[in-house]
Amino acid sequence: MVGFPTPEWLEEYVKKLNESKELEEAGKGWGVGWNGDFIFQIDDLPVEKIESLPEGDLKKHMKELLEKYAVGKTVYTYIGLKDGKCTGARIVKDPNEVQAGFKLIGSYDSWKKLAKGEADATKLVLTGKMKLQGDMSKIMRYIKATQLMGKIASQVPTEFLDEMV
């Protein structure tokens, strides 16, 4: 189990994305000749829950991650995508430090539903629970790939900050 959203979680997510033959097929051509990279903006992190964690390595680790990566209650992750493969992922302090063609913005609770497989990004965007910035025609053309990315996130064995207490 890896905590969400942490560098360790992103590492597992990248592995799962790149193991998926289905995503490789659905994403063929994605980002070729244009920027297909994403910023995932996770707002309203339950940072107050860290204080409730038992003393020890986990609490220390989560505090260090927040100090290093969070901007208030927000974390930004960069996901590199090209031609059906993930080229890498990392947490960024400032989304302007990387070039991304798309940005998916949502609350921690919406991201949690996505990562648990309880909702897909398309529904979350259509219901206003998440916002998507970028070329919508590209997203629609590769809708299967974008839905698979959410499905694959639910395959990462995840521990959520608000459930660790």
N, C-alpha and C. Protein backbone atom coordinates (compact mmCIF):
# COMPACT_ATOMS: atom_id res chain seq x y z
N MET A 1 0.85 -1.19 0.00
CA MET A 1 0.00 0.00 0.00
C MET A 1 0.89 1.25 0.00
N VAL A 2 0.54 2.17 -0.86
CA VAL A 2 1.28 3.43 -0.92
C VAL A 2 0.32 4.59 -0.70
N GLY A 3 0.82 5.62 -0.03
CA GLY A 3 0.00 6.78 0.29
C GLY A 3 -0.27 7.63 -0.94
N PHE A 4 -1.45 8.22 -0.96
CA PHE A 4 -1.86 9.10 -2.07
C PHE A 4 -1.97 10.52 -1.56
N PRO A 5 -1.46 11.51 -2.23
CA PRO A 5 -0.60 11.49 -3.41
C PRO A 5 0.86 11.65 -2.99
N THR A 6 1.67 10.66 -3.23
CA THR A 6 3.07 10.70 -2.86
C THR A 6 3.92 10.29 -4.07
N PRO A 7 5.22 10.58 -4.03
CA PRO A 7 6.10 10.12 -5.11
C PRO A 7 6.04 8.60 -5.29
N GLU A 8 5.88 7.88 -4.19
CA GLU A 8 5.81 6.42 -4.26
C GLU A 8 4.54 5.98 -5.01
N TRP A 9 3.43 6.69 -4.76
CA TRP A 9 2.19 6.38 -5.46
C TRP A 9 2.36 6.62 -6.96
N LEU A 10 2.96 7.76 -7.30
CA LEU A 10 3.17 8.09 -8.71
C LEU A 10 4.05 7.04 -9.40
N GLU A 11 5.06 6.56 -8.70
CA GLU A 11 5.95 5.53 -9.26
C GLU A 11 5.17 4.27 -9.60
N GLU A 12 4.29 3.86 -8.70
CA GLU A 12 3.46 2.67 -8.94
C GLU A 12 2.48 2.93 -10.09
N TYR A 13 1.93 4.13 -10.14
CA TYR A 13 0.98 4.50 -11.20
C TYR A 13 1.66 4.43 -12.57
N VAL A 14 2.87 4.97 -12.66
CA VAL A 14 3.62 4.93 -13.93
C VAL A 14 3.84 3.48 -14.37
N LYS A 15 4.22 2.62 -13.43
CA LYS A 15 4.43 1.20 -13.75
C LYS A 15 3.16 0.59 -14.32
N LYS A 16 2.05 0.83 -13.64
CA LYS A 16 0.77 0.25 -14.08
C LYS A 16 0.36 0.80 -15.45
N LEU A 17 0.55 2.11 -15.67
CA LEU A 17 0.22 2.70 -16.97
C LEU A 17 1.01 2.03 -18.08
N ASN A 18 2.31 1.85 -17.83
CA ASN A 18 3.18 1.30 -18.86
C ASN A 18 3.05 -0.21 -19.04
N GLU A 19 2.43 -0.89 -18.09
CA GLU A 19 2.16 -2.33 -18.23
C GLU A 19 0.89 -2.59 -19.03
N SER A 20 0.06 -1.56 -19.21
CA SER A 20 -1.24 -1.74 -19.85
C SER A 20 -1.15 -1.72 -21.38
N LYS A 21 -1.36 -2.89 -21.97
CA LYS A 21 -1.39 -2.99 -23.44
C LYS A 21 -2.62 -2.26 -23.99
N GLU A 22 -3.71 -2.31 -23.23
CA GLU A 22 -4.95 -1.64 -23.63
C GLU A 22 -4.73 -0.12 -23.74
N LEU A 23 -4.04 0.45 -22.75
CA LEU A 23 -3.74 1.88 -22.79
C LEU A 23 -2.79 2.21 -23.93
N GLU A 24 -1.81 1.34 -24.14
CA GLU A 24 -0.86 1.56 -25.23
C GLU A 24 -1.59 1.66 -26.57
N GLU A 25 -2.57 0.79 -26.78
CA GLU A 25 -3.35 0.82 -28.03
C GLU A 25 -4.25 2.05 -28.09
N ALA A 26 -4.99 2.31 -27.02
CA ALA A 26 -5.94 3.43 -27.00
C ALA A 26 -5.23 4.78 -27.09
N GLY A 27 -4.00 4.84 -26.59
CA GLY A 27 -3.25 6.10 -26.58
C GLY A 27 -2.29 6.27 -27.74
N LYS A 28 -2.32 5.35 -28.70
CA LYS A 28 -1.44 5.44 -29.87
C LYS A 28 -1.65 6.79 -30.56
N GLY A 29 -0.58 7.55 -30.72
CA GLY A 29 -0.66 8.87 -31.35
C GLY A 29 -0.85 10.03 -30.38
N TRP A 30 -1.23 9.72 -29.13
CA TRP A 30 -1.42 10.78 -28.14
C TRP A 30 -0.10 11.53 -27.92
N GLY A 31 -0.14 12.84 -28.02
CA GLY A 31 1.03 13.65 -27.74
C GLY A 31 2.09 13.63 -28.82
N VAL A 32 1.83 13.01 -29.95
CA VAL A 32 2.80 12.99 -31.04
C VAL A 32 2.60 14.25 -31.87
N GLY A 33 3.59 15.15 -31.83
CA GLY A 33 3.50 16.42 -32.54
C GLY A 33 2.78 17.50 -31.75
N TRP A 34 2.37 17.21 -30.54
CA TRP A 34 1.71 18.18 -29.65
C TRP A 34 1.91 17.71 -28.21
N ASN A 35 1.69 18.62 -27.26
CA ASN A 35 1.96 18.32 -25.86
C ASN A 35 0.79 17.58 -25.23
N GLY A 36 0.99 16.32 -24.91
CA GLY A 36 -0.05 15.50 -24.29
C GLY A 36 0.13 15.30 -22.80
N ASP A 37 1.07 16.04 -22.21
CA ASP A 37 1.35 15.89 -20.79
C ASP A 37 0.25 16.54 -19.95
N PHE A 38 0.11 16.07 -18.71
CA PHE A 38 -0.91 16.55 -17.79
C PHE A 38 -0.31 17.11 -16.52
N ILE A 39 -1.01 18.08 -15.96
CA ILE A 39 -0.85 18.47 -14.56
C ILE A 39 -2.12 18.00 -13.87
N PHE A 40 -1.98 17.24 -12.80
CA PHE A 40 -3.10 16.87 -11.96
C PHE A 40 -3.02 17.78 -10.74
N GLN A 41 -4.04 18.60 -10.54
CA GLN A 41 -4.08 19.50 -9.39
C GLN A 41 -5.04 18.91 -8.36
N ILE A 42 -4.51 18.60 -7.19
CA ILE A 42 -5.29 17.98 -6.13
C ILE A 42 -5.46 19.02 -5.02
N ASP A 43 -6.69 19.52 -4.89
CA ASP A 43 -7.00 20.57 -3.92
C ASP A 43 -7.63 19.98 -2.65
N ASP A 44 -7.62 20.79 -1.61
CA ASP A 44 -8.30 20.45 -0.34
C ASP A 44 -7.77 19.18 0.31
N LEU A 45 -6.44 19.01 0.28
CA LEU A 45 -5.84 17.86 0.97
C LEU A 45 -6.22 17.93 2.45
N PRO A 46 -6.54 16.80 3.06
CA PRO A 46 -6.90 16.80 4.48
C PRO A 46 -5.64 16.86 5.37
N VAL A 47 -4.91 17.96 5.27
CA VAL A 47 -3.63 18.08 5.97
C VAL A 47 -3.77 17.99 7.49
N GLU A 48 -4.93 18.37 8.00
CA GLU A 48 -5.15 18.31 9.44
C GLU A 48 -5.11 16.88 9.97
N LYS A 49 -5.33 15.91 9.10
CA LYS A 49 -5.32 14.49 9.51
C LYS A 49 -3.92 14.02 9.88
N ILE A 50 -2.91 14.68 9.36
CA ILE A 50 -1.53 14.26 9.66
C ILE A 50 -1.25 14.34 11.16
N GLU A 51 -1.78 15.37 11.81
CA GLU A 51 -1.56 15.51 13.25
C GLU A 51 -2.19 14.36 14.04
N SER A 52 -3.22 13.73 13.48
CA SER A 52 -3.91 12.63 14.16
C SER A 52 -3.19 11.29 13.99
N LEU A 53 -2.23 11.24 13.07
CA LEU A 53 -1.49 9.99 12.86
C LEU A 53 -0.67 9.66 14.10
N PRO A 54 -0.48 8.37 14.39
CA PRO A 54 0.37 8.00 15.52
C PRO A 54 1.81 8.45 15.25
N GLU A 55 2.52 8.80 16.31
CA GLU A 55 3.92 9.21 16.17
C GLU A 55 4.69 8.07 15.51
N GLY A 56 5.60 8.44 14.61
CA GLY A 56 6.40 7.41 13.96
C GLY A 56 6.79 7.83 12.56
N ASP A 57 7.31 6.87 11.81
CA ASP A 57 7.85 7.13 10.48
C ASP A 57 6.80 7.66 9.50
N LEU A 58 5.59 7.09 9.53
CA LEU A 58 4.54 7.52 8.59
C LEU A 58 4.19 9.00 8.79
N LYS A 59 3.97 9.38 10.03
CA LYS A 59 3.62 10.77 10.34
C LYS A 59 4.75 11.70 9.90
N LYS A 60 5.97 11.32 10.22
CA LYS A 60 7.14 12.12 9.86
C LYS A 60 7.24 12.24 8.33
N HIS A 61 7.07 11.12 7.64
CA HIS A 61 7.15 11.10 6.17
C HIS A 61 6.08 11.99 5.55
N MET A 62 4.85 11.89 6.02
CA MET A 62 3.76 12.69 5.46
C MET A 62 3.98 14.18 5.72
N LYS A 63 4.48 14.54 6.89
CA LYS A 63 4.78 15.95 7.19
C LYS A 63 5.87 16.48 6.26
N GLU A 64 6.91 15.68 6.05
CA GLU A 64 8.01 16.08 5.15
C GLU A 64 7.50 16.27 3.72
N LEU A 65 6.64 15.36 3.26
CA LEU A 65 6.08 15.47 1.91
C LEU A 65 5.27 16.76 1.75
N LEU A 66 4.44 17.05 2.75
CA LEU A 66 3.63 18.27 2.67
C LEU A 66 4.50 19.52 2.66
N GLU A 67 5.51 19.53 3.53
CA GLU A 67 6.41 20.69 3.57
C GLU A 67 7.13 20.87 2.24
N LYS A 68 7.53 19.75 1.64
CA LYS A 68 8.31 19.80 0.41
C LYS A 68 7.46 20.12 -0.82
N TYR A 69 6.24 19.55 -0.89
CA TYR A 69 5.48 19.62 -2.13
C TYR A 69 4.17 20.43 -2.09
N ALA A 70 3.52 20.49 -0.96
CA ALA A 70 2.20 21.14 -0.93
C ALA A 70 2.31 22.66 -0.94
N VAL A 71 1.34 23.25 -1.59
CA VAL A 71 1.16 24.71 -1.57
C VAL A 71 -0.17 24.90 -0.86
N GLY A 72 -0.09 25.18 0.44
CA GLY A 72 -1.31 25.21 1.24
C GLY A 72 -1.88 23.81 1.31
N LYS A 73 -3.09 23.64 0.79
CA LYS A 73 -3.74 22.33 0.78
C LYS A 73 -3.81 21.75 -0.64
N THR A 74 -2.87 22.18 -1.50
CA THR A 74 -2.86 21.74 -2.89
C THR A 74 -1.54 21.08 -3.25
N VAL A 75 -1.64 20.00 -4.03
CA VAL A 75 -0.46 19.32 -4.57
C VAL A 75 -0.65 19.22 -6.09
N TYR A 76 0.45 19.44 -6.82
CA TYR A 76 0.44 19.34 -8.28
C TYR A 76 1.31 18.16 -8.69
N THR A 77 0.77 17.31 -9.56
CA THR A 77 1.59 16.23 -10.10
C THR A 77 1.67 16.40 -11.61
N TYR A 78 2.82 16.08 -12.13
CA TYR A 78 3.08 16.13 -13.57
C TYR A 78 3.10 14.71 -14.09
N ILE A 79 2.34 14.46 -15.16
CA ILE A 79 2.30 13.14 -15.79
C ILE A 79 2.68 13.30 -17.25
N GLY A 80 3.80 12.74 -17.65
CA GLY A 80 4.24 12.79 -19.04
C GLY A 80 3.61 11.65 -19.83
N LEU A 81 2.99 11.98 -20.95
CA LEU A 81 2.31 10.97 -21.77
C LEU A 81 2.64 11.17 -23.24
N LYS A 82 3.00 10.07 -23.91
CA LYS A 82 3.27 10.16 -25.34
C LYS A 82 3.08 8.81 -26.00
N ASP A 83 2.25 8.79 -27.03
CA ASP A 83 2.08 7.62 -27.89
C ASP A 83 1.72 6.35 -27.11
N GLY A 84 0.82 6.48 -26.15
CA GLY A 84 0.35 5.32 -25.40
C GLY A 84 1.22 4.89 -24.24
N LYS A 85 2.22 5.68 -23.91
CA LYS A 85 3.12 5.36 -22.79
C LYS A 85 3.24 6.55 -21.85
N CYS A 86 3.56 6.26 -20.60
CA CYS A 86 3.84 7.31 -19.62
C CYS A 86 5.36 7.50 -19.60
N THR A 87 5.79 8.73 -19.86
CA THR A 87 7.22 9.03 -19.93
C THR A 87 7.80 9.40 -18.57
N GLY A 88 6.93 9.50 -17.55
CA GLY A 88 7.38 9.81 -16.21
C GLY A 88 6.34 10.61 -15.46
N ALA A 89 6.52 10.68 -14.15
CA ALA A 89 5.60 11.44 -13.31
C ALA A 89 6.35 11.91 -12.08
N ARG A 90 5.95 13.07 -11.61
CA ARG A 90 6.56 13.59 -10.38
C ARG A 90 5.68 14.68 -9.78
N ILE A 91 5.89 14.95 -8.53
CA ILE A 91 5.19 16.05 -7.88
C ILE A 91 5.99 17.31 -8.16
N VAL A 92 5.28 18.38 -8.50
CA VAL A 92 5.94 19.66 -8.74
C VAL A 92 5.37 20.69 -7.78
N LYS A 93 6.23 21.56 -7.29
CA LYS A 93 5.79 22.59 -6.34
C LYS A 93 4.98 23.67 -7.07
N ASP A 94 5.39 23.96 -8.30
CA ASP A 94 4.74 25.00 -9.09
C ASP A 94 4.42 24.42 -10.47
N PRO A 95 3.15 24.40 -10.87
CA PRO A 95 2.81 23.80 -12.17
C PRO A 95 3.44 24.52 -13.35
N ASN A 96 3.91 25.74 -13.15
CA ASN A 96 4.55 26.49 -14.23
C ASN A 96 5.99 26.06 -14.48
N GLU A 97 6.52 25.18 -13.63
CA GLU A 97 7.90 24.71 -13.84
C GLU A 97 7.98 23.64 -14.93
N VAL A 98 6.82 23.16 -15.40
CA VAL A 98 6.77 22.18 -16.48
C VAL A 98 5.79 22.65 -17.55
N GLN A 99 5.99 22.14 -18.74
CA GLN A 99 5.06 22.42 -19.84
C GLN A 99 4.09 21.25 -19.93
N ALA A 100 2.81 21.52 -19.86
CA ALA A 100 1.79 20.48 -19.98
C ALA A 100 0.67 21.00 -20.87
N GLY A 101 0.15 20.12 -21.70
CA GLY A 101 -0.93 20.51 -22.60
C GLY A 101 -2.30 20.49 -21.93
N PHE A 102 -2.37 19.82 -20.76
CA PHE A 102 -3.66 19.65 -20.10
C PHE A 102 -3.51 19.78 -18.59
N LYS A 103 -4.61 20.18 -17.96
CA LYS A 103 -4.63 20.28 -16.51
C LYS A 103 -5.97 19.74 -16.04
N LEU A 104 -5.93 18.78 -15.11
CA LEU A 104 -7.13 18.23 -14.50
C LEU A 104 -7.13 18.66 -13.04
N ILE A 105 -8.17 19.39 -12.66
CA ILE A 105 -8.25 20.02 -11.34
C ILE A 105 -9.42 19.45 -10.57
N GLY A 106 -9.16 19.04 -9.34
CA GLY A 106 -10.25 18.54 -8.51
C GLY A 106 -9.88 18.49 -7.05
N SER A 107 -10.89 18.32 -6.23
CA SER A 107 -10.66 18.21 -4.79
C SER A 107 -10.06 16.83 -4.47
N TYR A 108 -9.45 16.74 -3.33
CA TYR A 108 -8.91 15.47 -2.85
C TYR A 108 -9.99 14.39 -2.88
N ASP A 109 -11.21 14.75 -2.45
CA ASP A 109 -12.31 13.77 -2.43
C ASP A 109 -12.62 13.25 -3.83
N SER A 110 -12.60 14.13 -4.84
CA SER A 110 -12.86 13.68 -6.23
C SER A 110 -11.74 12.79 -6.72
N TRP A 111 -10.49 13.18 -6.43
CA TRP A 111 -9.35 12.35 -6.83
C TRP A 111 -9.40 10.99 -6.13
N LYS A 112 -9.83 11.00 -4.89
CA LYS A 112 -9.93 9.74 -4.14
C LYS A 112 -10.96 8.82 -4.79
N LYS A 113 -12.11 9.37 -5.20
CA LYS A 113 -13.13 8.57 -5.89
C LYS A 113 -12.57 8.00 -7.19
N LEU A 114 -11.80 8.80 -7.90
CA LEU A 114 -11.17 8.35 -9.14
C LEU A 114 -10.18 7.22 -8.85
N ALA A 115 -9.32 7.42 -7.86
CA ALA A 115 -8.29 6.43 -7.53
C ALA A 115 -8.88 5.14 -6.95
N LYS A 116 -10.07 5.23 -6.39
CA LYS A 116 -10.73 4.03 -5.86
C LYS A 116 -11.58 3.33 -6.92
N GLY A 117 -11.73 3.96 -8.09
CA GLY A 117 -12.54 3.37 -9.14
C GLY A 117 -14.03 3.60 -8.93
N GLU A 118 -14.39 4.53 -8.06
CA GLU A 118 -15.80 4.82 -7.77
C GLU A 118 -16.41 5.80 -8.78
N ALA A 119 -15.56 6.49 -9.54
CA ALA A 119 -16.02 7.45 -10.55
C ALA A 119 -14.94 7.56 -11.61
N ASP A 120 -15.33 7.93 -12.83
CA ASP A 120 -14.30 8.16 -13.84
C ASP A 120 -14.19 9.66 -14.11
N ALA A 121 -13.06 10.05 -14.67
CA ALA A 121 -12.77 11.47 -14.88
C ALA A 121 -13.81 12.14 -15.76
N THR A 122 -14.31 11.44 -16.76
CA THR A 122 -15.31 12.02 -17.66
C THR A 122 -16.55 12.45 -16.87
N LYS A 123 -17.06 11.54 -16.04
CA LYS A 123 -18.24 11.87 -15.21
C LYS A 123 -17.94 13.00 -14.25
N LEU A 124 -16.76 12.97 -13.65
CA LEU A 124 -16.40 14.01 -12.68
C LEU A 124 -16.32 15.38 -13.36
N VAL A 125 -15.81 15.42 -14.58
CA VAL A 125 -15.74 16.69 -15.32
C VAL A 125 -17.14 17.12 -15.74
N LEU A 126 -17.93 16.20 -16.27
CA LEU A 126 -19.28 16.54 -16.74
C LEU A 126 -20.20 17.00 -15.62
N THR A 127 -19.97 16.50 -14.41
CA THR A 127 -20.80 16.91 -13.27
C THR A 127 -20.22 18.11 -12.52
N GLY A 128 -19.10 18.65 -13.02
CA GLY A 128 -18.51 19.82 -12.39
C GLY A 128 -17.68 19.55 -11.15
N LYS A 129 -17.45 18.28 -10.85
CA LYS A 129 -16.63 17.92 -9.68
C LYS A 129 -15.14 18.10 -9.96
N MET A 130 -14.79 18.07 -11.25
CA MET A 130 -13.41 18.32 -11.69
C MET A 130 -13.48 19.26 -12.88
N LYS A 131 -12.36 19.96 -13.10
CA LYS A 131 -12.27 20.84 -14.27
C LYS A 131 -11.12 20.35 -15.14
N LEU A 132 -11.34 20.44 -16.45
CA LEU A 132 -10.31 20.04 -17.40
C LEU A 132 -9.96 21.24 -18.26
N GLN A 133 -8.67 21.53 -18.33
CA GLN A 133 -8.18 22.60 -19.20
C GLN A 133 -7.31 21.98 -20.28
N GLY A 134 -7.48 22.43 -21.51
CA GLY A 134 -6.71 21.91 -22.63
C GLY A 134 -7.60 21.71 -23.83
N ASP A 135 -7.05 21.15 -24.87
CA ASP A 135 -7.75 20.95 -26.13
C ASP A 135 -8.77 19.81 -26.00
N MET A 136 -10.05 20.18 -25.88
CA MET A 136 -11.10 19.19 -25.67
C MET A 136 -11.26 18.23 -26.86
N SER A 137 -10.95 18.71 -28.07
CA SER A 137 -11.09 17.81 -29.23
C SER A 137 -10.09 16.65 -29.14
N LYS A 138 -8.92 16.91 -28.57
CA LYS A 138 -7.92 15.84 -28.39
C LYS A 138 -8.43 14.85 -27.33
N ILE A 139 -8.97 15.39 -26.25
CA ILE A 139 -9.49 14.53 -25.18
C ILE A 139 -10.60 13.63 -25.73
N MET A 140 -11.50 14.21 -26.50
CA MET A 140 -12.63 13.43 -27.03
C MET A 140 -12.14 12.36 -28.01
N ARG A 141 -11.12 12.69 -28.77
CA ARG A 141 -10.57 11.72 -29.72
C ARG A 141 -9.93 10.53 -29.01
N TYR A 142 -9.40 10.79 -27.82
CA TYR A 142 -8.71 9.75 -27.04
C TYR A 142 -9.45 9.44 -25.75
N ILE A 143 -10.78 9.53 -25.79
CA ILE A 143 -11.57 9.36 -24.56
C ILE A 143 -11.33 8.01 -23.90
N LYS A 144 -11.16 6.95 -24.70
CA LYS A 144 -10.92 5.63 -24.11
C LYS A 144 -9.62 5.62 -23.31
N ALA A 145 -8.59 6.25 -23.85
CA ALA A 145 -7.30 6.31 -23.14
C ALA A 145 -7.43 7.08 -21.83
N THR A 146 -8.16 8.20 -21.85
CA THR A 146 -8.29 8.99 -20.63
C THR A 146 -9.09 8.23 -19.58
N GLN A 147 -10.10 7.48 -20.01
CA GLN A 147 -10.87 6.68 -19.06
C GLN A 147 -10.03 5.54 -18.50
N LEU A 148 -9.19 4.95 -19.34
CA LEU A 148 -8.31 3.88 -18.87
C LEU A 148 -7.32 4.39 -17.83
N MET A 149 -6.86 5.62 -17.98
CA MET A 149 -5.92 6.18 -16.99
C MET A 149 -6.55 6.19 -15.60
N GLY A 150 -7.83 6.53 -15.52
CA GLY A 150 -8.53 6.50 -14.24
C GLY A 150 -8.71 5.09 -13.72
N LYS A 151 -9.07 4.19 -14.61
CA LYS A 151 -9.26 2.78 -14.23
C LYS A 151 -7.94 2.20 -13.71
N ILE A 152 -6.85 2.54 -14.37
CA ILE A 152 -5.54 2.04 -13.97
C ILE A 152 -5.13 2.60 -12.60
N ALA A 153 -5.50 3.84 -12.33
CA ALA A 153 -5.20 4.44 -11.01
C ALA A 153 -5.82 3.60 -9.90
N SER A 154 -7.00 3.04 -10.16
CA SER A 154 -7.67 2.24 -9.13
C SER A 154 -6.98 0.89 -8.90
N GLN A 155 -6.02 0.54 -9.75
CA GLN A 155 -5.29 -0.72 -9.58
C GLN A 155 -4.06 -0.56 -8.69
N VAL A 156 -3.71 0.68 -8.38
CA VAL A 156 -2.57 0.93 -7.48
C VAL A 156 -3.06 0.70 -6.05
N PRO A 157 -2.41 -0.20 -5.28
CA PRO A 157 -2.82 -0.41 -3.89
C PRO A 157 -2.56 0.87 -3.09
N THR A 158 -3.63 1.56 -2.74
CA THR A 158 -3.53 2.92 -2.22
C THR A 158 -4.04 3.04 -0.79
N GLU A 159 -3.32 3.84 -0.04
CA GLU A 159 -3.72 4.22 1.31
C GLU A 159 -3.99 5.73 1.26
N PHE A 160 -5.15 6.14 1.77
CA PHE A 160 -5.53 7.55 1.71
C PHE A 160 -5.30 8.21 3.06
N LEU A 161 -4.78 9.42 3.01
CA LEU A 161 -4.41 10.16 4.21
C LEU A 161 -5.55 10.22 5.21
N ASP A 162 -6.76 10.49 4.75
CA ASP A 162 -7.87 10.62 5.68
C ASP A 162 -8.37 9.28 6.23
N GLU A 163 -7.81 8.18 5.72
CA GLU A 163 -8.19 6.86 6.20
C GLU A 163 -7.06 6.18 7.01
N MET A 164 -5.93 6.88 7.15
CA MET A 164 -4.78 6.29 7.85
C MET A 164 -4.92 6.38 9.36
N VAL A 165 -5.79 7.21 9.83
CA VAL A 165 -5.92 7.47 11.28
C VAL A 165 -6.64 6.33 11.96
